[in-house]
């Protein structure tokens, strides 16, 4: 009886396996949730010490400060040391026939999961310290994943552009943060719109558009990024 040929996994399964590999490495290293998340929480706590304990002021700036912390520290999550593949691993992926777009998709998926966990980890701190109005919380069920996906893709793109460079942790944020400003603007405006009783569909559409454009940019430039690295 002949043994059947092994079935080659499809691109989706390959991307999920690569994402699983990154998440396992992060669980061992603990850079995102054990190091970066506490610093993000401390940053949220330090702001009231600088501006004073003016409760109305803190309530008005609370959501904005939360998204600023998510943006700045979230970029560090996407550019963590465990997300930098050593040259032997890059060569192994090439020999295995993994398409560069699949590799970047796996990295972006892992980054999105970690960023969503980071957002959820620092959210209670923002609620306790700033006491923001919670009438917009249902919209957060949509905004949090959209911001996580967009920032993950942009961070993955910045990480691929700076792969192998000595100043990767410095150049990466300089590339990713300006590109992520539409995410910051849209997320804050969703909260503001709901505060005044308006449906924030236009800002949600902008968030989704940024995610789609960033994903297309990564997919279309994946081969070129592999050749450069």
Protein backbone atom coordinates (compact mmCIF):
# COMPACT_ATOMS: atom_id res chain seq x y z
CA UNK A 1 0.00 0.00 0.00
CA UNK A 2 1.49 3.31 -1.07
CA UNK A 3 1.68 6.12 1.42
CA UNK A 4 -0.15 9.30 0.38
CA UNK A 5 1.89 12.37 -0.45
CA UNK A 6 1.85 15.00 2.32
CA UNK A 7 -0.54 17.83 1.63
CA UNK A 8 1.15 21.20 1.34
CA UNK A 9 -0.52 23.71 3.68
CA UNK A 10 -2.19 26.66 2.01
CA UNK A 11 -1.15 30.30 2.46
CA UNK A 12 -3.72 30.89 5.21
CA UNK A 13 -2.54 27.93 7.25
CA UNK A 14 1.10 28.94 6.73
CA UNK A 15 0.36 32.49 7.95
CA UNK A 16 -1.47 31.16 11.01
CA UNK A 17 1.41 28.82 11.86
CA UNK A 18 3.91 31.68 11.57
CA UNK A 19 1.68 33.83 13.79
CA UNK A 20 1.50 30.99 16.31
CA UNK A 21 5.30 30.76 16.27
CA UNK A 22 5.61 34.50 16.99
CA UNK A 23 3.09 34.30 19.83
CA UNK A 24 4.96 31.37 21.39
CA UNK A 25 8.21 33.35 21.23
CA UNK A 26 6.47 36.34 22.81
CA UNK A 27 5.05 34.19 25.59
CA UNK A 28 8.58 33.08 26.44
CA UNK A 29 10.11 36.55 26.15
CA UNK A 30 7.23 38.51 27.71
CA UNK A 31 8.23 41.77 26.04
CA UNK A 32 4.75 43.01 25.13
CA UNK A 33 2.59 42.22 28.14
CA UNK A 34 5.21 41.93 30.89
CA UNK A 35 7.37 44.93 29.94
CA UNK A 36 5.65 47.30 27.53
CA UNK A 37 2.13 47.11 29.02
CA UNK A 38 3.23 48.14 32.54
CA UNK A 39 5.13 51.11 31.11
CA UNK A 40 2.02 52.11 29.15
CA UNK A 41 -0.05 51.94 32.34
CA UNK A 42 2.53 54.05 34.19
CA UNK A 43 2.40 56.66 31.41
CA UNK A 44 -1.36 56.94 31.87
CA UNK A 45 -0.91 57.40 35.62
CA UNK A 46 1.81 60.05 35.28
CA UNK A 47 -0.29 62.45 33.19
CA UNK A 48 -2.59 63.46 36.10
CA UNK A 49 0.50 64.16 38.20
CA UNK A 50 1.65 66.63 35.54
CA UNK A 51 -1.65 68.41 34.79
CA UNK A 52 -3.17 68.22 38.28
CA UNK A 53 -6.29 66.55 39.62
CA UNK A 54 -8.79 68.65 37.69
CA UNK A 55 -11.51 66.02 37.26
CA UNK A 56 -13.38 67.69 34.34
CA UNK A 57 -10.07 68.19 32.50
CA UNK A 58 -8.99 64.60 33.06
CA UNK A 59 -12.34 63.28 31.85
CA UNK A 60 -12.08 65.37 28.68
CA UNK A 61 -8.52 64.29 27.81
CA UNK A 62 -8.75 60.71 29.07
CA UNK A 63 -9.74 59.03 25.82
CA UNK A 64 -7.15 61.01 23.86
CA UNK A 65 -4.38 60.08 26.28
CA UNK A 66 -5.39 56.43 26.10
CA UNK A 67 -5.07 56.35 22.32
CA UNK A 68 -1.77 58.24 22.39
CA UNK A 69 -0.35 55.61 24.76
CA UNK A 70 -1.74 52.83 22.56
CA UNK A 71 -0.11 54.39 19.49
CA UNK A 72 3.32 55.09 20.97
CA UNK A 73 3.71 51.94 23.04
CA UNK A 74 1.86 49.81 20.48
CA UNK A 75 4.54 50.58 17.92
CA UNK A 76 7.10 49.23 20.38
CA UNK A 77 5.04 46.05 20.68
CA UNK A 78 5.19 45.52 16.90
CA UNK A 79 8.95 46.17 16.86
CA UNK A 80 9.80 44.02 19.88
CA UNK A 81 13.02 42.02 19.77
CA UNK A 82 11.16 38.71 19.43
CA UNK A 83 9.69 40.02 16.14
CA UNK A 84 13.14 40.26 14.52
CA UNK A 85 13.89 37.04 12.67
CA UNK A 86 17.58 36.06 12.70
CA UNK A 87 19.21 35.50 9.28
CA UNK A 88 19.17 31.67 9.58
CA UNK A 89 15.41 31.71 10.17
CA UNK A 90 14.85 34.06 7.22
CA UNK A 91 16.90 31.72 5.02
CA UNK A 92 14.92 28.72 6.29
CA UNK A 93 11.62 30.37 5.38
CA UNK A 94 12.92 31.07 1.88
CA UNK A 95 14.08 27.48 1.44
CA UNK A 96 10.68 26.26 2.64
CA UNK A 97 9.02 28.21 -0.15
CA UNK A 98 7.11 30.58 2.13
CA UNK A 99 5.98 33.57 0.09
CA UNK A 100 7.14 36.89 1.58
CA UNK A 101 3.54 38.14 1.70
CA UNK A 102 2.54 35.08 3.75
CA UNK A 103 5.41 35.66 6.17
CA UNK A 104 4.43 39.30 6.66
CA UNK A 105 0.77 38.33 7.05
CA UNK A 106 1.72 35.92 9.82
CA UNK A 107 3.79 38.57 11.56
CA UNK A 108 0.96 41.12 11.25
CA UNK A 109 -1.55 38.61 12.67
CA UNK A 110 0.61 37.98 15.73
CA UNK A 111 1.14 41.72 16.16
CA UNK A 112 -2.62 42.34 15.99
CA UNK A 113 -3.29 39.77 18.72
CA UNK A 114 -0.62 41.29 20.98
CA UNK A 115 -1.82 44.83 20.33
CA UNK A 116 -5.40 43.91 21.17
CA UNK A 117 -4.17 42.33 24.40
CA UNK A 118 -2.14 45.48 25.13
CA UNK A 119 -5.20 47.69 24.53
CA UNK A 120 -7.30 45.59 26.88
CA UNK A 121 -4.55 45.54 29.51
CA UNK A 122 -4.21 49.33 29.79
CA UNK A 123 -7.91 50.14 29.28
CA UNK A 124 -8.90 49.54 32.94
CA UNK A 125 -6.13 51.90 34.05
CA UNK A 126 -7.48 54.64 31.78
CA UNK A 127 -11.00 54.10 33.12
CA UNK A 128 -9.90 54.21 36.76
CA UNK A 129 -7.58 57.21 36.43
CA UNK A 130 -9.56 59.40 34.03
CA UNK A 131 -13.15 58.27 34.68
CA UNK A 132 -14.21 58.92 31.07
CA UNK A 133 -17.87 58.77 29.98
CA UNK A 134 -18.70 55.15 29.22
CA UNK A 135 -21.68 55.75 26.95
CA UNK A 136 -19.43 55.03 23.94
CA UNK A 137 -18.20 51.64 25.15
CA UNK A 138 -20.18 49.59 22.55
CA UNK A 139 -18.22 51.32 19.79
CA UNK A 140 -14.98 50.20 21.42
CA UNK A 141 -15.85 46.64 20.40
CA UNK A 142 -15.26 47.81 16.82
CA UNK A 143 -12.60 50.48 17.34
CA UNK A 144 -10.18 48.37 19.40
CA UNK A 145 -9.77 45.60 16.77
CA UNK A 146 -9.58 48.09 13.88
CA UNK A 147 -6.83 50.10 15.58
CA UNK A 148 -4.98 46.91 16.56
CA UNK A 149 -5.06 45.58 13.00
CA UNK A 150 -4.03 48.87 11.40
CA UNK A 151 -1.19 49.50 13.83
CA UNK A 152 -0.05 45.87 13.53
CA UNK A 153 0.17 46.08 9.74
CA UNK A 154 1.98 49.42 9.82
CA UNK A 155 4.38 48.13 12.47
CA UNK A 156 5.01 45.02 10.39
CA UNK A 157 5.77 47.19 7.37
CA UNK A 158 8.17 49.35 9.39
CA UNK A 159 9.83 46.26 10.82
CA UNK A 160 10.34 44.79 7.36
CA UNK A 161 11.82 48.05 6.08
CA UNK A 162 14.31 48.19 8.96
CA UNK A 163 15.07 44.45 9.07
CA UNK A 164 18.73 43.86 9.86
CA UNK A 165 19.54 47.51 10.58
CA UNK A 166 21.37 48.41 13.77
CA UNK A 167 18.94 51.25 14.54
CA UNK A 168 15.82 49.18 13.97
CA UNK A 169 14.17 50.08 17.27
CA UNK A 170 14.75 53.78 16.56
CA UNK A 171 13.97 53.96 12.86
CA UNK A 172 10.92 51.73 13.10
CA UNK A 173 8.83 54.08 15.29
CA UNK A 174 9.90 57.07 13.18
CA UNK A 175 8.41 55.31 10.15
CA UNK A 176 5.31 53.83 11.77
CA UNK A 177 4.05 56.67 14.01
CA UNK A 178 3.43 59.27 11.26
CA UNK A 179 1.63 56.67 9.16
CA UNK A 180 -0.54 55.72 12.14
CA UNK A 181 -1.79 59.26 12.84
CA UNK A 182 -5.07 58.65 10.92
CA UNK A 183 -5.72 55.76 13.33
CA UNK A 184 -5.22 58.06 16.31
CA UNK A 185 -7.44 60.77 14.83
CA UNK A 186 -10.23 58.35 13.92
CA UNK A 187 -10.21 56.55 17.27
CA UNK A 188 -10.44 59.78 19.26
CA UNK A 189 -13.14 61.20 16.99
CA UNK A 190 -15.27 58.08 17.38
CA UNK A 191 -15.37 58.73 21.13
CA UNK A 192 -16.08 62.43 20.61
CA UNK A 193 -18.88 61.74 18.14
CA UNK A 194 -20.65 59.35 20.48
CA UNK A 195 -20.24 61.80 23.35
CA UNK A 196 -22.38 64.28 21.42
CA UNK A 197 -24.89 61.67 20.26
CA UNK A 198 -23.69 61.30 16.67
CA UNK A 199 -23.06 58.01 14.88
CA UNK A 200 -19.33 57.78 14.05
CA UNK A 201 -19.72 55.78 10.84
CA UNK A 202 -17.45 58.10 8.84
CA UNK A 203 -14.59 57.70 11.32
CA UNK A 204 -15.06 53.93 11.43
CA UNK A 205 -14.92 53.92 7.63
CA UNK A 206 -11.64 55.84 7.79
CA UNK A 207 -10.23 53.29 10.24
CA UNK A 208 -11.22 50.44 7.93
CA UNK A 209 -9.78 52.28 4.92
CA UNK A 210 -6.42 52.76 6.66
CA UNK A 211 -6.36 49.04 7.53
CA UNK A 212 -7.09 48.01 3.94
CA UNK A 213 -4.57 50.41 2.39
CA UNK A 214 -1.86 49.34 4.84
CA UNK A 215 -2.56 45.66 4.15
CA UNK A 216 -2.41 46.20 0.40
CA UNK A 217 0.87 48.12 0.76
CA UNK A 218 2.40 45.22 2.67
CA UNK A 219 1.16 42.58 0.23
CA UNK A 220 2.26 44.47 -2.87
CA UNK A 221 5.70 45.33 -1.50
CA UNK A 222 6.43 42.00 0.20
CA UNK A 223 8.69 40.67 -2.57
CA UNK A 224 10.64 43.92 -2.82
CA UNK A 225 11.05 44.07 0.96
CA UNK A 226 12.46 40.53 0.96
CA UNK A 227 15.02 41.45 -1.72
CA UNK A 228 16.06 44.58 0.16
CA UNK A 229 16.48 42.73 3.45
